[in-house]
C-alpha atoms as a PDB file:
ATOM      1  CA  UNK A   1      70.527  10.536 -21.901  1.00  0.00           C
ATOM      2  CA  UNK A   2      71.108   9.777 -18.195  1.00  0.00           C
ATOM      3  CA  UNK A   3      69.570  13.143 -17.295  1.00  0.00           C
ATOM      4  CA  UNK A   4      66.527  12.439 -19.437  1.00  0.00           C
ATOM      5  CA  UNK A   5      65.902   9.114 -17.651  1.00  0.00           C
ATOM      6  CA  UNK A   6      66.308  10.818 -14.279  1.00  0.00           C
ATOM      7  CA  UNK A   7      63.906  13.604 -15.323  1.00  0.00           C
ATOM      8  CA  UNK A   8      61.253  11.056 -16.494  1.00  0.00           C
ATOM      9  CA  UNK A   9      61.582   9.198 -13.173  1.00  0.00           C
ATOM     10  CA  UNK A  10      60.978  12.412 -11.215  1.00  0.00           C
ATOM     11  CA  UNK A  11      57.937  13.205 -13.369  1.00  0.00           C
ATOM     12  CA  UNK A  12      56.506   9.727 -12.760  1.00  0.00           C
ATOM     13  CA  UNK A  13      57.001  10.017  -9.001  1.00  0.00           C
ATOM     14  CA  UNK A  14      55.373  13.453  -9.029  1.00  0.00           C
ATOM     15  CA  UNK A  15      52.386  12.149 -11.054  1.00  0.00           C
ATOM     16  CA  UNK A  16      51.914   9.181  -8.682  1.00  0.00           C
ATOM     17  CA  UNK A  17      51.991  11.564  -5.751  1.00  0.00           C
ATOM     18  CA  UNK A  18      49.353  13.796  -7.347  1.00  0.00           C
ATOM     19  CA  UNK A  19      46.875  10.943  -7.992  1.00  0.00           C
ATOM     20  CA  UNK A  20      46.118  10.166  -4.309  1.00  0.00           C
ATOM     21  CA  UNK A  21      45.660  13.881  -3.659  1.00  0.00           C
ATOM     22  CA  UNK A  22      43.146  14.125  -6.519  1.00  0.00           C
ATOM     23  CA  UNK A  23      41.267  11.097  -5.173  1.00  0.00           C
ATOM     24  CA  UNK A  24      41.174  12.644  -1.705  1.00  0.00           C
ATOM     25  CA  UNK A  25      39.784  15.875  -3.135  1.00  0.00           C
ATOM     26  CA  UNK A  26      37.107  13.953  -5.067  1.00  0.00           C
ATOM     27  CA  UNK A  27      36.157  12.032  -1.920  1.00  0.00           C
ATOM     28  CA  UNK A  28      35.889  15.281   0.060  1.00  0.00           C
ATOM     29  CA  UNK A  29      33.624  16.793  -2.604  1.00  0.00           C
ATOM     30  CA  UNK A  30      31.448  13.659  -2.674  1.00  0.00           C
ATOM     31  CA  UNK A  31      31.139  13.626   1.125  1.00  0.00           C
ATOM     32  CA  UNK A  32      30.229  17.326   1.120  1.00  0.00           C
ATOM     33  CA  UNK A  33      27.505  16.696  -1.499  1.00  0.00           C
ATOM     34  CA  UNK A  34      26.119  13.760   0.492  1.00  0.00           C
ATOM     35  CA  UNK A  35      26.097  15.816   3.696  1.00  0.00           C
ATOM     36  CA  UNK A  36      24.276  18.640   1.917  1.00  0.00           C
ATOM     37  CA  UNK A  37      21.712  16.185   0.508  1.00  0.00           C
ATOM     38  CA  UNK A  38      21.277  14.569   3.928  1.00  0.00           C
ATOM     39  CA  UNK A  39      20.581  17.916   5.609  1.00  0.00           C
ATOM     40  CA  UNK A  40      18.053  18.953   2.950  1.00  0.00           C
ATOM     41  CA  UNK A  41      16.190  15.620   3.090  1.00  0.00           C
ATOM     42  CA  UNK A  42      16.332  15.478   6.891  1.00  0.00           C
ATOM     43  CA  UNK A  43      14.700  18.921   7.027  1.00  0.00           C
ATOM     44  CA  UNK A  44      11.917  17.939   4.580  1.00  0.00           C
ATOM     45  CA  UNK A  45      11.269  14.465   6.064  1.00  0.00           C
ATOM     46  CA  UNK A  46       8.234  15.486   8.102  1.00  0.00           C
ATOM     47  CA  UNK A  47       5.095  13.357   8.211  1.00  0.00           C
ATOM     48  CA  UNK A  48       1.799  14.480   9.708  1.00  0.00           C
ATOM     49  CA  UNK A  49       0.472  12.783  12.796  1.00  0.00           C
ATOM     50  CA  UNK A  50      -2.514  10.502  12.348  1.00  0.00           C
ATOM     51  CA  UNK A  51      -5.770  12.331  11.602  1.00  0.00           C
ATOM     52  CA  UNK A  52      -7.970   9.375  12.553  1.00  0.00           C
ATOM     53  CA  UNK A  53     -10.790  10.177  14.949  1.00  0.00           C
ATOM     54  CA  UNK A  54     -10.670   8.403  18.291  1.00  0.00           C
ATOM     55  CA  UNK A  55     -13.639   6.265  17.241  1.00  0.00           C
ATOM     56  CA  UNK A  56     -12.212   5.409  13.827  1.00  0.00           C
ATOM     57  CA  UNK A  57      -8.943   4.246  15.355  1.00  0.00           C
ATOM     58  CA  UNK A  58     -10.893   1.170  16.424  1.00  0.00           C
ATOM     59  CA  UNK A  59     -11.391   0.366  12.723  1.00  0.00           C
ATOM     60  CA  UNK A  60      -7.615   0.271  12.192  1.00  0.00           C
ATOM     61  CA  UNK A  61      -6.734  -1.628  15.384  1.00  0.00           C
ATOM     62  CA  UNK A  62      -6.707  -4.916  13.487  1.00  0.00           C
ATOM     63  CA  UNK A  63      -4.752  -3.397  10.611  1.00  0.00           C
ATOM     64  CA  UNK A  64      -1.357  -4.331  12.022  1.00  0.00           C
ATOM     65  CA  UNK A  65       0.612  -3.537   8.861  1.00  0.00           C
ATOM     66  CA  UNK A  66      -0.835   0.022   8.858  1.00  0.00           C
ATOM     67  CA  UNK A  67       0.089   0.584  12.508  1.00  0.00           C
ATOM     68  CA  UNK A  68       3.623  -0.782  11.881  1.00  0.00           C
ATOM     69  CA  UNK A  69       3.976   1.366   8.743  1.00  0.00           C
ATOM     70  CA  UNK A  70       2.928   4.540  10.579  1.00  0.00           C
ATOM     71  CA  UNK A  71       5.215   3.811  13.539  1.00  0.00           C
ATOM     72  CA  UNK A  72       8.181   3.122  11.263  1.00  0.00           C
ATOM     73  CA  UNK A  73       7.513   6.303   9.301  1.00  0.00           C
ATOM     74  CA  UNK A  74       7.618   8.385  12.491  1.00  0.00           C
ATOM     75  CA  UNK A  75      11.246   7.380  13.184  1.00  0.00           C
ATOM     76  CA  UNK A  76      13.436   9.796  11.239  1.00  0.00           C
ATOM     77  CA  UNK A  77      17.006   8.784  10.282  1.00  0.00           C
ATOM     78  CA  UNK A  78      19.521  11.034  12.024  1.00  0.00           C
ATOM     79  CA  UNK A  79      22.960   9.876  10.932  1.00  0.00           C
ATOM     80  CA  UNK A  80      23.596   9.920   7.180  1.00  0.00           C
ATOM     81  CA  UNK A  81      22.229   9.804   3.656  1.00  0.00           C
ATOM     82  CA  UNK A  82      22.856   6.052   3.713  1.00  0.00           C
ATOM     83  CA  UNK A  83      20.437   5.792   6.652  1.00  0.00           C
ATOM     84  CA  UNK A  84      17.736   7.441   4.501  1.00  0.00           C
ATOM     85  CA  UNK A  85      18.495   5.013   1.659  1.00  0.00           C
ATOM     86  CA  UNK A  86      17.988   2.047   3.988  1.00  0.00           C
ATOM     87  CA  UNK A  87      14.892   3.664   5.500  1.00  0.00           C
ATOM     88  CA  UNK A  88      13.305   4.133   2.045  1.00  0.00           C
ATOM     89  CA  UNK A  89      14.020   0.518   1.094  1.00  0.00           C
ATOM     90  CA  UNK A  90      12.391  -0.837   4.273  1.00  0.00           C
ATOM     91  CA  UNK A  91       9.512   1.636   3.951  1.00  0.00           C
ATOM     92  CA  UNK A  92       8.744   0.325   0.472  1.00  0.00           C
ATOM     93  CA  UNK A  93       8.818  -3.264   1.749  1.00  0.00           C
ATOM     94  CA  UNK A  94       6.435  -2.375   4.585  1.00  0.00           C
ATOM     95  CA  UNK A  95       4.084  -0.557   2.198  1.00  0.00           C
ATOM     96  CA  UNK A  96       3.721  -3.741   0.123  1.00  0.00           C
ATOM     97  CA  UNK A  97       2.272  -5.499   3.188  1.00  0.00           C
ATOM     98  CA  UNK A  98      -0.495  -2.916   3.672  1.00  0.00           C
ATOM     99  CA  UNK A  99      -3.065  -4.765   1.561  1.00  0.00           C
ATOM    100  CA  UNK A 100      -2.472  -8.102   3.317  1.00  0.00           C
ATOM    101  CA  UNK A 101      -4.530  -7.473   6.460  1.00  0.00           C
ATOM    102  CA  UNK A 102      -6.988  -4.643   5.778  1.00  0.00           C
ATOM    103  CA  UNK A 103      -9.888  -5.103   8.213  1.00  0.00           C
ATOM    104  CA  UNK A 104     -13.158  -6.375   6.735  1.00  0.00           C
ATOM    105  CA  UNK A 105     -14.990  -3.063   7.256  1.00  0.00           C
ATOM    106  CA  UNK A 106     -12.294  -1.231   5.288  1.00  0.00           C
ATOM    107  CA  UNK A 107     -12.018  -3.648   2.382  1.00  0.00           C
ATOM    108  CA  UNK A 108     -13.394  -1.171  -0.125  1.00  0.00           C
ATOM    109  CA  UNK A 109     -12.029  -0.244  -3.525  1.00  0.00           C
ATOM    110  CA  UNK A 110     -11.545   3.364  -2.386  1.00  0.00           C
ATOM    111  CA  UNK A 111      -9.189   2.202   0.395  1.00  0.00           C
ATOM    112  CA  UNK A 112      -7.294  -0.265  -1.820  1.00  0.00           C
ATOM    113  CA  UNK A 113      -6.829   2.457  -4.465  1.00  0.00           C
ATOM    114  CA  UNK A 114      -5.416   4.920  -1.940  1.00  0.00           C
ATOM    115  CA  UNK A 115      -3.090   2.284  -0.478  1.00  0.00           C
ATOM    116  CA  UNK A 116      -1.724   1.579  -3.972  1.00  0.00           C
ATOM    117  CA  UNK A 117      -0.857   5.285  -4.277  1.00  0.00           C
ATOM    118  CA  UNK A 118       1.129   4.990  -1.008  1.00  0.00           C
ATOM    119  CA  UNK A 119       2.969   1.957  -2.386  1.00  0.00           C
ATOM    120  CA  UNK A 120       3.842   3.855  -5.577  1.00  0.00           C
ATOM    121  CA  UNK A 121       5.192   6.853  -3.651  1.00  0.00           C
ATOM    122  CA  UNK A 122       7.283   4.559  -1.416  1.00  0.00           C
ATOM    123  CA  UNK A 123       8.700   2.874  -4.512  1.00  0.00           C
ATOM    124  CA  UNK A 124       9.560   6.290  -6.001  1.00  0.00           C
ATOM    125  CA  UNK A 125      11.260   7.323  -2.760  1.00  0.00           C
ATOM    126  CA  UNK A 126      13.375   4.172  -2.729  1.00  0.00           C
ATOM    127  CA  UNK A 127      14.279   4.648  -6.404  1.00  0.00           C
ATOM    128  CA  UNK A 128      15.394   8.287  -5.996  1.00  0.00           C
ATOM    129  CA  UNK A 129      17.442   7.564  -2.888  1.00  0.00           C
ATOM    130  CA  UNK A 130      19.160   4.598  -4.563  1.00  0.00           C
ATOM    131  CA  UNK A 131      20.726   6.855  -7.211  1.00  0.00           C
ATOM    132  CA  UNK A 132      24.428   7.747  -7.002  1.00  0.00           C
ATOM    133  CA  UNK A 133      23.584  11.458  -7.171  1.00  0.00           C
ATOM    134  CA  UNK A 134      20.425  11.785  -5.088  1.00  0.00           C
ATOM    135  CA  UNK A 135      17.938  14.255  -6.662  1.00  0.00           C
ATOM    136  CA  UNK A 136      16.995  16.131  -3.486  1.00  0.00           C
ATOM    137  CA  UNK A 137      14.104  18.093  -5.041  1.00  0.00           C
ATOM    138  CA  UNK A 138      12.455  14.908  -6.301  1.00  0.00           C
ATOM    139  CA  UNK A 139      12.933  13.168  -2.942  1.00  0.00           C
ATOM    140  CA  UNK A 140      11.398  16.074  -1.043  1.00  0.00           C
ATOM    141  CA  UNK A 141       8.484  16.318  -3.492  1.00  0.00           C
ATOM    142  CA  UNK A 142       7.857  12.571  -3.085  1.00  0.00           C
ATOM    143  CA  UNK A 143       7.836  12.977   0.713  1.00  0.00           C
ATOM    144  CA  UNK A 144       5.072  15.587   0.311  1.00  0.00           C
ATOM    145  CA  UNK A 145       3.122  13.293  -2.042  1.00  0.00           C
ATOM    146  CA  UNK A 146       3.488  10.316   0.314  1.00  0.00           C
ATOM    147  CA  UNK A 147       2.346  12.423   3.235  1.00  0.00           C
ATOM    148  CA  UNK A 148      -0.758  13.452   1.273  1.00  0.00           C
ATOM    149  CA  UNK A 149      -1.496   9.854   0.230  1.00  0.00           C
ATOM    150  CA  UNK A 150      -1.390   8.707   3.872  1.00  0.00           C
ATOM    151  CA  UNK A 151      -3.713  11.530   4.937  1.00  0.00           C
ATOM    152  CA  UNK A 152      -6.083  10.610   2.080  1.00  0.00           C
ATOM    153  CA  UNK A 153      -6.416   7.064   3.457  1.00  0.00           C
ATOM    154  CA  UNK A 154      -7.093   8.282   6.985  1.00  0.00           C
ATOM    155  CA  UNK A 155      -9.519  10.988   5.873  1.00  0.00           C
ATOM    156  CA  UNK A 156     -11.430   8.401   3.827  1.00  0.00           C
ATOM    157  CA  UNK A 157     -11.651   6.088   6.846  1.00  0.00           C
ATOM    158  CA  UNK A 158     -13.033   8.999   8.890  1.00  0.00           C
ATOM    159  CA  UNK A 159     -15.622   9.707   6.184  1.00  0.00           C
ATOM    160  CA  UNK A 160     -16.663   6.053   6.027  1.00  0.00           C
ATOM    161  CA  UNK A 161     -17.118   5.975   9.795  1.00  0.00           C
ATOM    162  CA  UNK A 162     -19.089   9.257   9.818  1.00  0.00           C
ATOM    163  CA  UNK A 163     -21.384   8.105   6.994  1.00  0.00           C
ATOM    164  CA  UNK A 164     -21.945   4.812   8.803  1.00  0.00           C
ATOM    165  CA  UNK A 165     -23.205   6.732  11.828  1.00  0.00           C
ATOM    166  CA  UNK A 166     -25.835   8.715   9.907  1.00  0.00           C
ATOM    167  CA  UNK A 167     -29.208   7.109  10.623  1.00  0.00           C
ATOM    168  CA  UNK A 168     -31.274   5.868   7.677  1.00  0.00           C
ATOM    169  CA  UNK A 169     -34.427   7.768   6.823  1.00  0.00           C
ATOM    170  CA  UNK A 170     -37.719   5.949   7.064  1.00  0.00           C
ATOM    171  CA  UNK A 171     -37.980   3.400   4.243  1.00  0.00           C
ATOM    172  CA  UNK A 172     -34.403   4.027   2.989  1.00  0.00           C
ATOM    173  CA  UNK A 173     -33.057   0.701   4.274  1.00  0.00           C
ATOM    174  CA  UNK A 174     -35.915  -1.226   2.626  1.00  0.00           C
ATOM    175  CA  UNK A 175     -35.355   0.632  -0.645  1.00  0.00           C
ATOM    176  CA  UNK A 176     -31.634  -0.177  -0.606  1.00  0.00           C
ATOM    177  CA  UNK A 177     -32.423  -3.830   0.114  1.00  0.00           C
ATOM    178  CA  UNK A 178     -34.857  -3.957  -2.840  1.00  0.00           C
ATOM    179  CA  UNK A 179     -32.248  -2.394  -5.140  1.00  0.00           C
ATOM    180  CA  UNK A 180     -29.726  -4.976  -4.004  1.00  0.00           C
ATOM    181  CA  UNK A 181     -32.226  -7.809  -4.566  1.00  0.00           C
ATOM    182  CA  UNK A 182     -33.136  -6.461  -8.032  1.00  0.00           C
ATOM    183  CA  UNK A 183     -29.487  -6.239  -9.130  1.00  0.00           C
ATOM    184  CA  UNK A 184     -28.792  -9.713  -7.738  1.00  0.00           C
ATOM    185  CA  UNK A 185     -31.832 -11.103  -9.593  1.00  0.00           C
ATOM    186  CA  UNK A 186     -30.690  -9.447 -12.844  1.00  0.00           C
ATOM    187  CA  UNK A 187     -27.247 -11.034 -12.527  1.00  0.00           C
ATOM    188  CA  UNK A 188     -28.718 -14.472 -11.888  1.00  0.00           C
ATOM    189  CA  UNK A 189     -31.297 -14.384 -14.693  1.00  0.00           C
ATOM    190  CA  UNK A 190     -30.372 -16.657 -17.564  1.00  0.00           C
ATOM    191  CA  UNK A 191     -31.365 -14.707 -20.671  1.00  0.00           C
ATOM    192  CA  UNK A 192     -32.137 -17.035 -23.579  1.00  0.00           C
ATOM    193  CA  UNK A 193     -32.891 -15.774 -27.040  1.00  0.00           C
ATOM    194  CA  UNK A 194     -36.032 -17.053 -28.696  1.00  0.00           C
ATOM    195  CA  UNK A 195     -35.640 -18.584 -32.196  1.00  0.00           C
ATOM    196  CA  UNK A 196     -37.060 -15.393 -33.774  1.00  0.00           C
ATOM    197  CA  UNK A 197     -34.551 -13.194 -31.839  1.00  0.00           C
ATOM    198  CA  UNK A 198     -31.646 -15.395 -32.933  1.00  0.00           C
ATOM    199  CA  UNK A 199     -32.436 -14.646 -36.605  1.00  0.00           C
END
């Protein structure tokens, strides 16, 4: 009986000794996975430089949130996966400010729509990077989509500027003004049904 108690004690000590070793192994594996994910994301985290024309940059000078967003995006995390997680969170917060100070000349539905796509991609990026097991493929795909969404905004601004520089043909401005006046008049007309139309 004494030997049995001694044997059980040795087994317990051995089991307790094994547990920290197993935890250490699990931690090593987790760190290796995180390092692998970090390297893959760091390699894919490439954003195109601004494609705005020199002249169109003047249109975005007053768009402080856009300038801050672009500058922040250009700074790539270099230390760890955690740094990318924090970067994505701040990037999403900055993207939500983009619609707050769009310059008057750019306050068009086509710009707002494209900015909302950027906000969605930033939210997706934050969501993927917040997961315990980071899905690297999805993160890298979202980086590509975000990059494209940013270029879409800048290309649209370039197009708007270029179109604005095309001179009107003779009579075109007057025709556009008449169309505007006609649509305004139609909106303001109070249509009343006659008694015969009501029946």
